[in-house]
Amino acid sequence: MDIRIIIRIHDCIKNSWTGTPKQLSEKLKVSERTLYNYIFFMKNDLKVPIEFYKVKRDYMYKGECSLKFENE
């Protein structure tokens, strides 16, 4: 997983800039399948509360979310 893509996904969700999976994958310059893999990783491994809201056609956080990455 490329941390830069995770950070970009997080920024897009935070600012409500995702749109549909197709639109977000185009913004990130990755395939939809790759985007789904990143979302799966973020939800399951990083425990990020990401939801796709069909009415708004946008990914959103279910509750508060902040990502913190530290270099040890």
PDB file of N, CA and C in Angstrom:
ATOM      1  N   MET A   1       0.835  -1.183   0.000  1.00  0.00           N
ATOM      2  CA  MET A   1       0.000   0.000   0.000  1.00  0.00           C
ATOM      3  C   MET A   1       0.880   1.248   0.000  1.00  0.00           C
ATOM      4  N   ASP A   2       0.516   2.179  -0.817  1.00  0.00           N
ATOM      5  CA  ASP A   2       1.242   3.445  -0.920  1.00  0.00           C
ATOM      6  C   ASP A   2       0.606   4.443   0.044  1.00  0.00           C
ATOM      7  N   ILE A   3       1.363   4.859   1.038  1.00  0.00           N
ATOM      8  CA  ILE A   3       0.850   5.770   2.064  1.00  0.00           C
ATOM      9  C   ILE A   3       0.345   7.080   1.453  1.00  0.00           C
ATOM     10  N   ARG A   4       0.950   7.501   0.359  1.00  0.00           N
ATOM     11  CA  ARG A   4       0.517   8.758  -0.276  1.00  0.00           C
ATOM     12  C   ARG A   4      -0.909   8.650  -0.794  1.00  0.00           C
ATOM     13  N   ILE A   5      -1.278   7.491  -1.309  1.00  0.00           N
ATOM     14  CA  ILE A   5      -2.650   7.303  -1.798  1.00  0.00           C
ATOM     15  C   ILE A   5      -3.620   7.263  -0.622  1.00  0.00           C
ATOM     16  N   ILE A   6      -3.231   6.614   0.471  1.00  0.00           N
ATOM     17  CA  ILE A   6      -4.082   6.586   1.666  1.00  0.00           C
ATOM     18  C   ILE A   6      -4.326   8.006   2.167  1.00  0.00           C
ATOM     19  N   ILE A   7      -3.292   8.816   2.200  1.00  0.00           N
ATOM     20  CA  ILE A   7      -3.433  10.207   2.650  1.00  0.00           C
ATOM     21  C   ILE A   7      -4.337  10.985   1.701  1.00  0.00           C
ATOM     22  N   ARG A   8      -4.205  10.765   0.405  1.00  0.00           N
ATOM     23  CA  ARG A   8      -5.069  11.464  -0.565  1.00  0.00           C
ATOM     24  C   ARG A   8      -6.523  11.035  -0.423  1.00  0.00           C
ATOM     25  N   ILE A   9      -6.755   9.741  -0.206  1.00  0.00           N
ATOM     26  CA  ILE A   9      -8.125   9.267   0.019  1.00  0.00           C
ATOM     27  C   ILE A   9      -8.690   9.939   1.268  1.00  0.00           C
ATOM     28  N   HIS A  10      -7.916   9.952   2.331  1.00  0.00           N
ATOM     29  CA  HIS A  10      -8.340  10.588   3.586  1.00  0.00           C
ATOM     30  C   HIS A  10      -8.685  12.064   3.357  1.00  0.00           C
ATOM     31  N   ASP A  11      -7.828  12.784   2.660  1.00  0.00           N
ATOM     32  CA  ASP A  11      -8.086  14.205   2.384  1.00  0.00           C
ATOM     33  C   ASP A  11      -9.355  14.393   1.561  1.00  0.00           C
ATOM     34  N   CYS A  12      -9.556  13.556   0.563  1.00  0.00           N
ATOM     35  CA  CYS A  12     -10.767  13.656  -0.267  1.00  0.00           C
ATOM     36  C   CYS A  12     -12.021  13.387   0.554  1.00  0.00           C
ATOM     37  N   ILE A  13     -11.976  12.378   1.415  1.00  0.00           N
ATOM     38  CA  ILE A  13     -13.143  12.072   2.245  1.00  0.00           C
ATOM     39  C   ILE A  13     -13.396  13.212   3.226  1.00  0.00           C
ATOM     40  N   LYS A  14     -12.347  13.683   3.873  1.00  0.00           N
ATOM     41  CA  LYS A  14     -12.460  14.767   4.850  1.00  0.00           C
ATOM     42  C   LYS A  14     -13.114  15.998   4.243  1.00  0.00           C
ATOM     43  N   ASN A  15     -12.791  16.286   2.992  1.00  0.00           N
ATOM     44  CA  ASN A  15     -13.272  17.495   2.326  1.00  0.00           C
ATOM     45  C   ASN A  15     -14.470  17.250   1.409  1.00  0.00           C
ATOM     46  N   SER A  16     -15.034  16.049   1.472  1.00  0.00           N
ATOM     47  CA  SER A  16     -16.202  15.667   0.646  1.00  0.00           C
ATOM     48  C   SER A  16     -15.936  15.837  -0.843  1.00  0.00           C
ATOM     49  N   TRP A  17     -14.764  15.390  -1.279  1.00  0.00           N
ATOM     50  CA  TRP A  17     -14.381  15.505  -2.692  1.00  0.00           C
ATOM     51  C   TRP A  17     -14.325  14.157  -3.396  1.00  0.00           C
ATOM     52  N   THR A  18     -14.919  13.110  -2.839  1.00  0.00           N
ATOM     53  CA  THR A  18     -14.700  11.795  -3.443  1.00  0.00           C
ATOM     54  C   THR A  18     -15.568  11.535  -4.657  1.00  0.00           C
ATOM     55  N   GLY A  19     -16.852  11.800  -4.562  1.00  0.00           N
ATOM     56  CA  GLY A  19     -17.757  11.400  -5.632  1.00  0.00           C
ATOM     57  C   GLY A  19     -17.886   9.887  -5.636  1.00  0.00           C
ATOM     58  N   THR A  20     -18.237   9.336  -6.762  1.00  0.00           N
ATOM     59  CA  THR A  20     -18.409   7.887  -6.888  1.00  0.00           C
ATOM     60  C   THR A  20     -17.044   7.195  -6.883  1.00  0.00           C
ATOM     61  N   PRO A  21     -17.021   5.877  -6.697  1.00  0.00           N
ATOM     62  CA  PRO A  21     -15.742   5.167  -6.775  1.00  0.00           C
ATOM     63  C   PRO A  21     -15.018   5.420  -8.105  1.00  0.00           C
ATOM     64  N   LYS A  22     -15.764   5.459  -9.193  1.00  0.00           N
ATOM     65  CA  LYS A  22     -15.145   5.728 -10.499  1.00  0.00           C
ATOM     66  C   LYS A  22     -14.498   7.113 -10.517  1.00  0.00           C
ATOM     67  N   GLN A  23     -15.215   8.127 -10.022  1.00  0.00           N
ATOM     68  CA  GLN A  23     -14.676   9.489  -9.997  1.00  0.00           C
ATOM     69  C   GLN A  23     -13.445   9.586  -9.100  1.00  0.00           C
ATOM     70  N   LEU A  24     -13.511   8.951  -7.925  1.00  0.00           N
ATOM     71  CA  LEU A  24     -12.370   9.003  -7.014  1.00  0.00           C
ATOM     72  C   LEU A  24     -11.168   8.269  -7.600  1.00  0.00           C
ATOM     73  N   SER A  25     -11.391   7.132  -8.214  1.00  0.00           N
ATOM     74  CA  SER A  25     -10.266   6.401  -8.809  1.00  0.00           C
ATOM     75  C   SER A  25      -9.614   7.226  -9.917  1.00  0.00           C
ATOM     76  N   GLU A  26     -10.416   7.970 -10.672  1.00  0.00           N
ATOM     77  CA  GLU A  26      -9.855   8.839 -11.712  1.00  0.00           C
ATOM     78  C   GLU A  26      -9.040   9.971 -11.092  1.00  0.00           C
ATOM     79  N   LYS A  27      -9.523  10.563  -9.996  1.00  0.00           N
ATOM     80  CA  LYS A  27      -8.766  11.624  -9.309  1.00  0.00           C
ATOM     81  C   LYS A  27      -7.422  11.111  -8.814  1.00  0.00           C
ATOM     82  N   LEU A  28      -7.429   9.872  -8.322  1.00  0.00           N
ATOM     83  CA  LEU A  28      -6.209   9.286  -7.759  1.00  0.00           C
ATOM     84  C   LEU A  28      -5.314   8.644  -8.811  1.00  0.00           C
ATOM     85  N   LYS A  29      -5.844   8.525 -10.032  1.00  0.00           N
ATOM     86  CA  LYS A  29      -5.120   7.893 -11.136  1.00  0.00           C
ATOM     87  C   LYS A  29      -4.782   6.433 -10.823  1.00  0.00           C
ATOM     88  N   VAL A  30      -5.803   5.737 -10.273  1.00  0.00           N
ATOM     89  CA  VAL A  30      -5.697   4.299 -10.025  1.00  0.00           C
ATOM     90  C   VAL A  30      -6.960   3.648 -10.575  1.00  0.00           C
ATOM     91  N   SER A  31      -6.933   2.339 -10.729  1.00  0.00           N
ATOM     92  CA  SER A  31      -8.131   1.636 -11.198  1.00  0.00           C
ATOM     93  C   SER A  31      -9.165   1.575 -10.069  1.00  0.00           C
ATOM     94  N   GLU A  32     -10.415   1.323 -10.447  1.00  0.00           N
ATOM     95  CA  GLU A  32     -11.455   1.171  -9.423  1.00  0.00           C
ATOM     96  C   GLU A  32     -11.126   0.002  -8.507  1.00  0.00           C
ATOM     97  N   ARG A  33     -10.624  -1.094  -9.062  1.00  0.00           N
ATOM     98  CA  ARG A  33     -10.257  -2.264  -8.263  1.00  0.00           C
ATOM     99  C   ARG A  33      -9.208  -1.881  -7.230  1.00  0.00           C
ATOM    100  N   THR A  34      -8.203  -1.098  -7.640  1.00  0.00           N
ATOM    101  CA  THR A  34      -7.161  -0.655  -6.711  1.00  0.00           C
ATOM    102  C   THR A  34      -7.766   0.220  -5.623  1.00  0.00           C
ATOM    103  N   LEU A  35      -8.666   1.114  -6.006  1.00  0.00           N
ATOM    104  CA  LEU A  35      -9.338   1.959  -5.012  1.00  0.00           C
ATOM    105  C   LEU A  35     -10.076   1.094  -3.995  1.00  0.00           C
ATOM    106  N   TYR A  36     -10.836   0.105  -4.473  1.00  0.00           N
ATOM    107  CA  TYR A  36     -11.559  -0.781  -3.552  1.00  0.00           C
ATOM    108  C   TYR A  36     -10.597  -1.503  -2.611  1.00  0.00           C
ATOM    109  N   ASN A  37      -9.427  -1.884  -3.109  1.00  0.00           N
ATOM    110  CA  ASN A  37      -8.427  -2.533  -2.253  1.00  0.00           C
ATOM    111  C   ASN A  37      -7.940  -1.588  -1.159  1.00  0.00           C
ATOM    112  N   TYR A  38      -7.710  -0.320  -1.514  1.00  0.00           N
ATOM    113  CA  TYR A  38      -7.292   0.668  -0.517  1.00  0.00           C
ATOM    114  C   TYR A  38      -8.391   0.906   0.518  1.00  0.00           C
ATOM    115  N   ILE A  39      -9.631   1.050   0.064  1.00  0.00           N
ATOM    116  CA  ILE A  39     -10.748   1.267   0.986  1.00  0.00           C
ATOM    117  C   ILE A  39     -10.880   0.059   1.928  1.00  0.00           C
ATOM    118  N   PHE A  40     -10.773  -1.148   1.378  1.00  0.00           N
ATOM    119  CA  PHE A  40     -10.840  -2.363   2.190  1.00  0.00           C
ATOM    120  C   PHE A  40      -9.733  -2.364   3.245  1.00  0.00           C
ATOM    121  N   PHE A  41      -8.514  -2.047   2.830  1.00  0.00           N
ATOM    122  CA  PHE A  41      -7.377  -1.996   3.751  1.00  0.00           C
ATOM    123  C   PHE A  41      -7.612  -0.961   4.850  1.00  0.00           C
ATOM    124  N   MET A  42      -8.073   0.229   4.456  1.00  0.00           N
ATOM    125  CA  MET A  42      -8.306   1.285   5.442  1.00  0.00           C
ATOM    126  C   MET A  42      -9.388   0.875   6.443  1.00  0.00           C
ATOM    127  N   LYS A  43     -10.456   0.267   5.955  1.00  0.00           N
ATOM    128  CA  LYS A  43     -11.553  -0.136   6.835  1.00  0.00           C
ATOM    129  C   LYS A  43     -11.161  -1.290   7.754  1.00  0.00           C
ATOM    130  N   ASN A  44     -10.495  -2.284   7.219  1.00  0.00           N
ATOM    131  CA  ASN A  44     -10.231  -3.506   7.975  1.00  0.00           C
ATOM    132  C   ASN A  44      -8.919  -3.505   8.749  1.00  0.00           C
ATOM    133  N   ASP A  45      -7.867  -2.960   8.176  1.00  0.00           N
ATOM    134  CA  ASP A  45      -6.572  -2.978   8.857  1.00  0.00           C
ATOM    135  C   ASP A  45      -6.331  -1.723   9.688  1.00  0.00           C
ATOM    136  N   LEU A  46      -6.733  -0.572   9.159  1.00  0.00           N
ATOM    137  CA  LEU A  46      -6.530   0.684   9.889  1.00  0.00           C
ATOM    138  C   LEU A  46      -7.739   1.058  10.744  1.00  0.00           C
ATOM    139  N   LYS A  47      -8.834   0.308  10.586  1.00  0.00           N
ATOM    140  CA  LYS A  47     -10.069   0.540  11.353  1.00  0.00           C
ATOM    141  C   LYS A  47     -10.640   1.942  11.147  1.00  0.00           C
ATOM    142  N   VAL A  48     -10.575   2.414   9.912  1.00  0.00           N
ATOM    143  CA  VAL A  48     -11.119   3.723   9.550  1.00  0.00           C
ATOM    144  C   VAL A  48     -12.603   3.535   9.207  1.00  0.00           C
ATOM    145  N   PRO A  49     -13.500   4.324   9.821  1.00  0.00           N
ATOM    146  CA  PRO A  49     -14.948   4.137   9.619  1.00  0.00           C
ATOM    147  C   PRO A  49     -15.469   4.761   8.323  1.00  0.00           C
ATOM    148  N   ILE A  50     -15.075   4.199   7.191  1.00  0.00           N
ATOM    149  CA  ILE A  50     -15.478   4.728   5.882  1.00  0.00           C
ATOM    150  C   ILE A  50     -16.786   4.078   5.451  1.00  0.00           C
ATOM    151  N   GLU A  51     -17.696   4.898   4.954  1.00  0.00           N
ATOM    152  CA  GLU A  51     -18.965   4.413   4.399  1.00  0.00           C
ATOM    153  C   GLU A  51     -19.198   5.116   3.069  1.00  0.00           C
ATOM    154  N   PHE A  52     -19.829   4.412   2.128  1.00  0.00           N
ATOM    155  CA  PHE A  52     -20.248   5.058   0.889  1.00  0.00           C
ATOM    156  C   PHE A  52     -21.737   5.342   1.014  1.00  0.00           C
ATOM    157  N   TYR A  53     -22.117   6.605   0.859  1.00  0.00           N
ATOM    158  CA  TYR A  53     -23.512   7.016   0.962  1.00  0.00           C
ATOM    159  C   TYR A  53     -24.081   7.170  -0.438  1.00  0.00           C
ATOM    160  N   LYS A  54     -24.981   6.266  -0.790  1.00  0.00           N
ATOM    161  CA  LYS A  54     -25.536   6.234  -2.145  1.00  0.00           C
ATOM    162  C   LYS A  54     -26.305   7.498  -2.491  1.00  0.00           C
ATOM    163  N   VAL A  55     -27.035   8.057  -1.524  1.00  0.00           N
ATOM    164  CA  VAL A  55     -27.836   9.255  -1.791  1.00  0.00           C
ATOM    165  C   VAL A  55     -26.931  10.425  -2.176  1.00  0.00           C
ATOM    166  N   LYS A  56     -25.850  10.628  -1.406  1.00  0.00           N
ATOM    167  CA  LYS A  56     -24.915  11.722  -1.697  1.00  0.00           C
ATOM    168  C   LYS A  56     -23.895  11.339  -2.765  1.00  0.00           C
ATOM    169  N   ARG A  57     -23.798  10.029  -3.050  1.00  0.00           N
ATOM    170  CA  ARG A  57     -22.819   9.510  -4.008  1.00  0.00           C
ATOM    171  C   ARG A  57     -21.406   9.967  -3.630  1.00  0.00           C
ATOM    172  N   ASP A  58     -21.068   9.686  -2.373  1.00  0.00           N
ATOM    173  CA  ASP A  58     -19.818  10.168  -1.816  1.00  0.00           C
ATOM    174  C   ASP A  58     -19.379   9.243  -0.680  1.00  0.00           C
ATOM    175  N   TYR A  59     -18.066   9.071  -0.529  1.00  0.00           N
ATOM    176  CA  TYR A  59     -17.551   8.384   0.650  1.00  0.00           C
ATOM    177  C   TYR A  59     -17.530   9.385   1.793  1.00  0.00           C
ATOM    178  N   MET A  60     -17.845   8.893   2.980  1.00  0.00           N
ATOM    179  CA  MET A  60     -17.831   9.746   4.166  1.00  0.00           C
ATOM    180  C   MET A  60     -17.321   8.923   5.342  1.00  0.00           C
ATOM    181  N   TYR A  61     -16.884   9.633   6.379  1.00  0.00           N
ATOM    182  CA  TYR A  61     -16.537   8.963   7.619  1.00  0.00           C
ATOM    183  C   TYR A  61     -17.779   8.858   8.480  1.00  0.00           C
ATOM    184  N   LYS A  62     -17.981   7.692   9.059  1.00  0.00           N
ATOM    185  CA  LYS A  62     -19.077   7.488   9.993  1.00  0.00           C
ATOM    186  C   LYS A  62     -18.534   7.878  11.364  1.00  0.00           C
ATOM    187  N   GLY A  63     -18.727   9.131  11.744  1.00  0.00           N
ATOM    188  CA  GLY A  63     -18.149   9.653  12.976  1.00  0.00           C
ATOM    189  C   GLY A  63     -16.851  10.385  12.683  1.00  0.00           C
ATOM    190  N   GLU A  64     -16.144  10.708  13.738  1.00  0.00           N
ATOM    191  CA  GLU A  64     -14.873  11.427  13.612  1.00  0.00           C
ATOM    192  C   GLU A  64     -13.760  10.475  13.175  1.00  0.00           C
ATOM    193  N   CYS A  65     -12.834  11.015  12.405  1.00  0.00           N
ATOM    194  CA  CYS A  65     -11.703  10.198  11.976  1.00  0.00           C
ATOM    195  C   CYS A  65     -10.493  11.087  11.754  1.00  0.00           C
ATOM    196  N   SER A  66      -9.372  10.646  12.288  1.00  0.00           N
ATOM    197  CA  SER A  66      -8.109  11.313  11.981  1.00  0.00           C
ATOM    198  C   SER A  66      -7.067  10.219  11.799  1.00  0.00           C
ATOM    199  N   LEU A  67      -6.213  10.424  10.851  1.00  0.00           N
ATOM    200  CA  LEU A  67      -5.134   9.472  10.610  1.00  0.00           C
ATOM    201  C   LEU A  67      -3.837  10.114  11.060  1.00  0.00           C
ATOM    202  N   LYS A  68      -3.061   9.366  11.800  1.00  0.00           N
ATOM    203  CA  LYS A  68      -1.783   9.873  12.276  1.00  0.00           C
ATOM    204  C   LYS A  68      -0.721   8.831  11.953  1.00  0.00           C
ATOM    205  N   PHE A  69       0.263   9.254  11.198  1.00  0.00           N
ATOM    206  CA  PHE A  69       1.357   8.363  10.832  1.00  0.00           C
ATOM    207  C   PHE A  69       2.632   8.907  11.448  1.00  0.00           C
ATOM    208  N   GLU A  70       3.350   8.037  12.120  1.00  0.00           N
ATOM    209  CA  GLU A  70       4.586   8.458  12.764  1.00  0.00           C
ATOM    210  C   GLU A  70       5.755   7.697  12.166  1.00  0.00           C
ATOM    211  N   ASN A  71       6.850   8.380  12.056  1.00  0.00           N
ATOM    212  CA  ASN A  71       8.077   7.775  11.563  1.00  0.00           C
ATOM    213  C   ASN A  71       8.957   7.466  12.764  1.00  0.00           C
ATOM    214  N   GLU A  72       9.182   6.183  13.007  1.00  0.00           N
ATOM    215  CA  GLU A  72       9.994   5.806  14.173  1.00  0.00           C
ATOM    216  C   GLU A  72      11.409   5.509  13.782  1.00  0.00           C
TER     217      GLU A  72
END
